[in-house]
Amino acid sequence: MTRYLFIYHAPMTPENAAPPTPEQTQEVMGRWMAWAEGVGEAMVDFGTPLAGGIQVTADGELPSVRDVAGYTLLEADDMDAALDLARNHPHLQMPGGCTIEVHEAQAVPGM
């Protein structure tokens, strides 16, 4: 099985969003956990929300210009199977036009 990295994009990072009510948190997390349960043993790392990104360059550091909200690492037979998992992800139902970027993790020679 190949590993795939899901990078979650949102118009607002979790740190900048209005805090959800406990009921909203329970509802959203219930959908995420149901999705993760469907992924099953193929889940490598459920991931976490991300905030406060810093872009490091050869010339120094800058605030991140990407709207990265989180990540997940999972295994799938191929890109089509990974895309099927992304198409049914609850992140796509979040307000504001959230998206998921899917990347195949490439093997590092000699490792």
N, C-alpha and C. Protein backbone atom coordinates (compact mmCIF):
# COMPACT_ATOMS: atom_id res chain seq x y z
N MET A 1 0.85 -1.19 0.00
CA MET A 1 0.00 0.00 0.00
C MET A 1 0.89 1.24 0.00
N THR A 2 0.41 2.26 -0.65
CA THR A 2 1.12 3.52 -0.75
C THR A 2 0.55 4.50 0.28
N ARG A 3 1.39 5.34 0.80
CA ARG A 3 0.94 6.37 1.75
C ARG A 3 0.55 7.64 0.99
N TYR A 4 -0.49 8.29 1.50
CA TYR A 4 -0.98 9.54 0.93
C TYR A 4 -1.15 10.56 2.04
N LEU A 5 -0.74 11.76 1.76
CA LEU A 5 -0.88 12.87 2.70
C LEU A 5 -2.05 13.72 2.26
N PHE A 6 -3.01 13.89 3.14
CA PHE A 6 -4.12 14.80 2.92
C PHE A 6 -3.75 16.12 3.61
N ILE A 7 -3.75 17.19 2.87
CA ILE A 7 -3.51 18.52 3.44
C ILE A 7 -4.83 19.28 3.35
N TYR A 8 -5.33 19.68 4.51
CA TYR A 8 -6.62 20.35 4.57
C TYR A 8 -6.43 21.86 4.46
N HIS A 9 -7.16 22.45 3.52
CA HIS A 9 -7.14 23.90 3.34
C HIS A 9 -8.49 24.47 3.76
N ALA A 10 -8.44 25.62 4.39
CA ALA A 10 -9.65 26.30 4.82
C ALA A 10 -9.42 27.80 4.70
N PRO A 11 -10.49 28.56 4.49
CA PRO A 11 -10.31 30.00 4.36
C PRO A 11 -9.78 30.66 5.63
N MET A 12 -9.90 29.94 6.73
CA MET A 12 -9.47 30.45 8.02
C MET A 12 -8.83 29.30 8.79
N THR A 13 -7.69 29.53 9.43
CA THR A 13 -7.09 28.48 10.23
C THR A 13 -7.91 28.30 11.51
N PRO A 14 -7.82 27.13 12.14
CA PRO A 14 -8.60 26.91 13.37
C PRO A 14 -8.35 27.97 14.44
N GLU A 15 -7.13 28.49 14.53
CA GLU A 15 -6.83 29.49 15.56
C GLU A 15 -7.55 30.81 15.30
N ASN A 16 -7.93 31.09 14.04
CA ASN A 16 -8.59 32.35 13.69
C ASN A 16 -10.10 32.23 13.59
N ALA A 17 -10.62 31.03 13.65
CA ALA A 17 -12.06 30.82 13.53
C ALA A 17 -12.75 31.09 14.86
N ALA A 18 -14.03 31.43 14.78
CA ALA A 18 -14.81 31.61 16.00
C ALA A 18 -14.90 30.26 16.72
N PRO A 19 -14.72 30.25 18.03
CA PRO A 19 -14.79 28.98 18.75
C PRO A 19 -16.17 28.34 18.61
N PRO A 20 -16.21 27.06 18.28
CA PRO A 20 -17.51 26.39 18.15
C PRO A 20 -18.10 26.11 19.51
N THR A 21 -19.42 25.93 19.52
CA THR A 21 -20.09 25.52 20.75
C THR A 21 -19.73 24.06 21.02
N PRO A 22 -19.91 23.59 22.25
CA PRO A 22 -19.66 22.17 22.52
C PRO A 22 -20.49 21.24 21.62
N GLU A 23 -21.71 21.64 21.32
CA GLU A 23 -22.56 20.83 20.46
C GLU A 23 -22.00 20.77 19.04
N GLN A 24 -21.54 21.92 18.52
CA GLN A 24 -20.94 21.95 17.19
C GLN A 24 -19.68 21.10 17.13
N THR A 25 -18.86 21.20 18.17
CA THR A 25 -17.64 20.40 18.24
C THR A 25 -17.98 18.92 18.22
N GLN A 26 -18.95 18.52 19.00
CA GLN A 26 -19.35 17.11 19.07
C GLN A 26 -19.86 16.64 17.71
N GLU A 27 -20.66 17.45 17.03
CA GLU A 27 -21.21 17.07 15.73
C GLU A 27 -20.10 16.92 14.68
N VAL A 28 -19.22 17.92 14.60
CA VAL A 28 -18.14 17.88 13.62
C VAL A 28 -17.19 16.73 13.91
N MET A 29 -16.78 16.57 15.15
CA MET A 29 -15.86 15.50 15.49
C MET A 29 -16.50 14.12 15.27
N GLY A 30 -17.80 14.04 15.46
CA GLY A 30 -18.50 12.78 15.19
C GLY A 30 -18.39 12.41 13.72
N ARG A 31 -18.53 13.40 12.83
CA ARG A 31 -18.39 13.13 11.39
C ARG A 31 -16.96 12.73 11.04
N TRP A 32 -15.98 13.43 11.63
CA TRP A 32 -14.57 13.10 11.37
C TRP A 32 -14.24 11.69 11.88
N MET A 33 -14.73 11.35 13.06
CA MET A 33 -14.43 10.03 13.63
C MET A 33 -15.12 8.92 12.82
N ALA A 34 -16.31 9.19 12.32
CA ALA A 34 -16.99 8.20 11.47
C ALA A 34 -16.20 7.99 10.18
N TRP A 35 -15.69 9.08 9.61
CA TRP A 35 -14.86 8.96 8.40
C TRP A 35 -13.61 8.15 8.72
N ALA A 36 -12.93 8.46 9.82
CA ALA A 36 -11.71 7.75 10.21
C ALA A 36 -12.00 6.27 10.45
N GLU A 37 -13.13 5.96 11.04
CA GLU A 37 -13.51 4.57 11.26
C GLU A 37 -13.67 3.84 9.93
N GLY A 38 -14.22 4.55 8.93
CA GLY A 38 -14.36 3.96 7.60
C GLY A 38 -13.02 3.70 6.94
N VAL A 39 -12.02 4.54 7.22
CA VAL A 39 -10.68 4.34 6.69
C VAL A 39 -10.05 3.11 7.34
N GLY A 40 -10.36 2.91 8.60
CA GLY A 40 -9.91 1.71 9.31
C GLY A 40 -8.40 1.65 9.49
N GLU A 41 -7.85 0.46 9.29
CA GLU A 41 -6.42 0.22 9.54
C GLU A 41 -5.52 0.94 8.55
N ALA A 42 -6.09 1.50 7.50
CA ALA A 42 -5.28 2.26 6.53
C ALA A 42 -4.86 3.62 7.10
N MET A 43 -5.45 4.01 8.25
CA MET A 43 -5.08 5.28 8.88
C MET A 43 -3.70 5.14 9.50
N VAL A 44 -2.76 5.94 9.04
CA VAL A 44 -1.40 5.94 9.59
C VAL A 44 -1.30 6.98 10.70
N ASP A 45 -1.81 8.18 10.44
CA ASP A 45 -1.77 9.28 11.40
C ASP A 45 -3.01 10.13 11.16
N PHE A 46 -3.93 10.16 12.12
CA PHE A 46 -5.16 10.94 11.98
C PHE A 46 -4.84 12.41 11.73
N GLY A 47 -3.73 12.88 12.27
CA GLY A 47 -3.34 14.27 12.09
C GLY A 47 -3.88 15.16 13.19
N THR A 48 -3.83 16.45 12.91
CA THR A 48 -4.24 17.45 13.88
C THR A 48 -4.48 18.77 13.17
N PRO A 49 -5.25 19.67 13.77
CA PRO A 49 -5.32 21.02 13.20
C PRO A 49 -3.95 21.69 13.30
N LEU A 50 -3.68 22.57 12.37
CA LEU A 50 -2.41 23.31 12.35
C LEU A 50 -2.67 24.79 12.47
N ALA A 51 -1.71 25.51 13.04
CA ALA A 51 -1.85 26.96 13.19
C ALA A 51 -0.47 27.60 13.25
N GLY A 52 -0.42 28.88 12.95
CA GLY A 52 0.80 29.66 13.14
C GLY A 52 1.97 29.23 12.28
N GLY A 53 1.72 28.87 11.02
CA GLY A 53 2.79 28.41 10.15
C GLY A 53 3.84 29.47 9.85
N ILE A 54 5.08 29.03 9.78
CA ILE A 54 6.20 29.89 9.40
C ILE A 54 6.87 29.26 8.19
N GLN A 55 7.07 30.03 7.16
CA GLN A 55 7.76 29.59 5.96
C GLN A 55 9.24 29.92 6.11
N VAL A 56 10.09 28.90 6.06
CA VAL A 56 11.53 29.08 6.21
C VAL A 56 12.16 29.06 4.82
N THR A 57 12.92 30.09 4.51
CA THR A 57 13.63 30.19 3.24
C THR A 57 15.12 30.35 3.51
N ALA A 58 15.92 30.30 2.47
CA ALA A 58 17.36 30.52 2.62
C ALA A 58 17.64 31.92 3.12
N ASP A 59 16.70 32.84 2.92
CA ASP A 59 16.88 34.24 3.34
C ASP A 59 16.26 34.56 4.69
N GLY A 60 15.61 33.60 5.31
CA GLY A 60 14.99 33.87 6.62
C GLY A 60 13.61 33.26 6.72
N GLU A 61 12.81 33.79 7.63
CA GLU A 61 11.47 33.27 7.87
C GLU A 61 10.42 34.31 7.53
N LEU A 62 9.28 33.81 7.06
CA LEU A 62 8.12 34.64 6.74
C LEU A 62 6.87 33.93 7.26
N PRO A 63 5.81 34.68 7.54
CA PRO A 63 4.56 34.00 7.89
C PRO A 63 4.11 33.13 6.71
N SER A 64 3.51 32.00 7.02
CA SER A 64 3.00 31.12 5.97
C SER A 64 1.93 31.85 5.17
N VAL A 65 1.97 31.66 3.87
CA VAL A 65 0.96 32.29 3.01
C VAL A 65 -0.11 31.30 2.59
N ARG A 66 0.01 30.07 3.06
CA ARG A 66 -0.96 29.03 2.71
C ARG A 66 -2.05 28.96 3.78
N ASP A 67 -3.19 28.51 3.37
CA ASP A 67 -4.32 28.36 4.28
C ASP A 67 -4.42 26.92 4.76
N VAL A 68 -3.30 26.38 5.27
CA VAL A 68 -3.25 25.00 5.72
C VAL A 68 -3.92 24.90 7.09
N ALA A 69 -4.92 24.02 7.18
CA ALA A 69 -5.67 23.88 8.42
C ALA A 69 -5.36 22.58 9.16
N GLY A 70 -4.73 21.60 8.49
CA GLY A 70 -4.43 20.34 9.13
C GLY A 70 -3.97 19.31 8.12
N TYR A 71 -3.78 18.08 8.60
CA TYR A 71 -3.30 17.01 7.73
C TYR A 71 -3.77 15.66 8.24
N THR A 72 -3.69 14.66 7.38
CA THR A 72 -3.88 13.25 7.73
C THR A 72 -2.95 12.45 6.84
N LEU A 73 -2.39 11.38 7.37
CA LEU A 73 -1.56 10.47 6.59
C LEU A 73 -2.24 9.10 6.61
N LEU A 74 -2.49 8.55 5.42
CA LEU A 74 -3.14 7.26 5.34
C LEU A 74 -2.56 6.43 4.21
N GLU A 75 -2.97 5.17 4.15
CA GLU A 75 -2.53 4.27 3.09
C GLU A 75 -3.72 3.94 2.20
N ALA A 76 -3.44 3.79 0.91
CA ALA A 76 -4.46 3.39 -0.06
C ALA A 76 -3.77 2.60 -1.17
N ASP A 77 -4.55 1.83 -1.89
CA ASP A 77 -3.99 1.02 -2.97
C ASP A 77 -3.39 1.87 -4.08
N ASP A 78 -4.03 3.00 -4.37
CA ASP A 78 -3.55 3.88 -5.44
C ASP A 78 -4.19 5.26 -5.26
N MET A 79 -3.83 6.18 -6.15
CA MET A 79 -4.34 7.56 -6.04
C MET A 79 -5.86 7.59 -6.15
N ASP A 80 -6.44 6.77 -7.03
CA ASP A 80 -7.90 6.75 -7.16
C ASP A 80 -8.57 6.38 -5.84
N ALA A 81 -8.02 5.39 -5.14
CA ALA A 81 -8.58 4.99 -3.85
C ALA A 81 -8.42 6.10 -2.82
N ALA A 82 -7.28 6.78 -2.84
CA ALA A 82 -7.07 7.91 -1.91
C ALA A 82 -8.05 9.04 -2.22
N LEU A 83 -8.26 9.31 -3.50
CA LEU A 83 -9.20 10.37 -3.89
C LEU A 83 -10.62 10.02 -3.48
N ASP A 84 -10.98 8.74 -3.56
CA ASP A 84 -12.31 8.32 -3.09
C ASP A 84 -12.49 8.63 -1.61
N LEU A 85 -11.44 8.40 -0.82
CA LEU A 85 -11.52 8.73 0.61
C LEU A 85 -11.64 10.24 0.82
N ALA A 86 -10.94 11.02 0.01
CA ALA A 86 -11.01 12.48 0.13
C ALA A 86 -12.38 13.01 -0.28
N ARG A 87 -12.95 12.44 -1.32
CA ARG A 87 -14.25 12.92 -1.83
C ARG A 87 -15.37 12.79 -0.80
N ASN A 88 -15.21 11.85 0.12
CA ASN A 88 -16.24 11.61 1.15
C ASN A 88 -15.84 12.17 2.51
N HIS A 89 -14.86 13.04 2.53
CA HIS A 89 -14.34 13.57 3.80
C HIS A 89 -15.22 14.70 4.33
N PRO A 90 -15.50 14.71 5.64
CA PRO A 90 -16.34 15.77 6.22
C PRO A 90 -15.72 17.16 6.14
N HIS A 91 -14.40 17.26 5.94
CA HIS A 91 -13.77 18.58 5.82
C HIS A 91 -14.38 19.36 4.65
N LEU A 92 -14.80 18.66 3.60
CA LEU A 92 -15.37 19.33 2.43
C LEU A 92 -16.72 19.96 2.72
N GLN A 93 -17.35 19.58 3.84
CA GLN A 93 -18.64 20.14 4.23
C GLN A 93 -18.51 21.32 5.18
N MET A 94 -17.28 21.65 5.55
CA MET A 94 -17.06 22.78 6.46
C MET A 94 -17.37 24.08 5.73
N PRO A 95 -17.79 25.12 6.43
CA PRO A 95 -18.14 26.38 5.77
C PRO A 95 -16.93 27.07 5.15
N GLY A 96 -17.19 27.82 4.09
CA GLY A 96 -16.17 28.68 3.51
C GLY A 96 -15.41 28.11 2.33
N GLY A 97 -15.78 26.94 1.85
CA GLY A 97 -15.10 26.39 0.69
C GLY A 97 -13.82 25.65 1.02
N CYS A 98 -13.86 24.76 2.00
CA CYS A 98 -12.69 23.98 2.39
C CYS A 98 -12.34 22.96 1.31
N THR A 99 -11.05 22.70 1.16
CA THR A 99 -10.57 21.74 0.16
C THR A 99 -9.55 20.80 0.79
N ILE A 100 -9.25 19.72 0.06
CA ILE A 100 -8.24 18.76 0.48
C ILE A 100 -7.27 18.55 -0.67
N GLU A 101 -6.00 18.69 -0.38
CA GLU A 101 -4.94 18.42 -1.34
C GLU A 101 -4.41 17.02 -1.02
N VAL A 102 -4.30 16.15 -2.03
CA VAL A 102 -3.85 14.77 -1.82
C VAL A 102 -2.51 14.58 -2.52
N HIS A 103 -1.52 14.12 -1.76
CA HIS A 103 -0.18 13.88 -2.29
C HIS A 103 0.25 12.45 -2.02
N GLU A 104 0.84 11.81 -3.01
CA GLU A 104 1.43 10.49 -2.81
C GLU A 104 2.78 10.65 -2.16
N ALA A 105 3.02 9.93 -1.09
CA ALA A 105 4.33 9.95 -0.42
C ALA A 105 5.28 9.06 -1.22
N GLN A 106 6.34 9.62 -1.71
CA GLN A 106 7.32 8.90 -2.51
C GLN A 106 8.36 8.23 -1.61
N ALA A 107 8.81 7.07 -2.03
CA ALA A 107 9.86 6.37 -1.29
C ALA A 107 11.17 7.15 -1.42
N VAL A 108 11.92 7.18 -0.33
CA VAL A 108 13.24 7.83 -0.34
C VAL A 108 14.27 6.75 -0.63
N PRO A 109 15.05 6.91 -1.72
CA PRO A 109 16.03 5.87 -2.05
C PRO A 109 16.99 5.61 -0.88
N GLY A 110 17.21 4.33 -0.62
CA GLY A 110 18.15 3.95 0.43
C GLY A 110 17.58 3.99 1.83
N MET A 111 16.30 4.27 1.98
CA MET A 111 15.71 4.35 3.32
C MET A 111 14.60 3.34 3.46
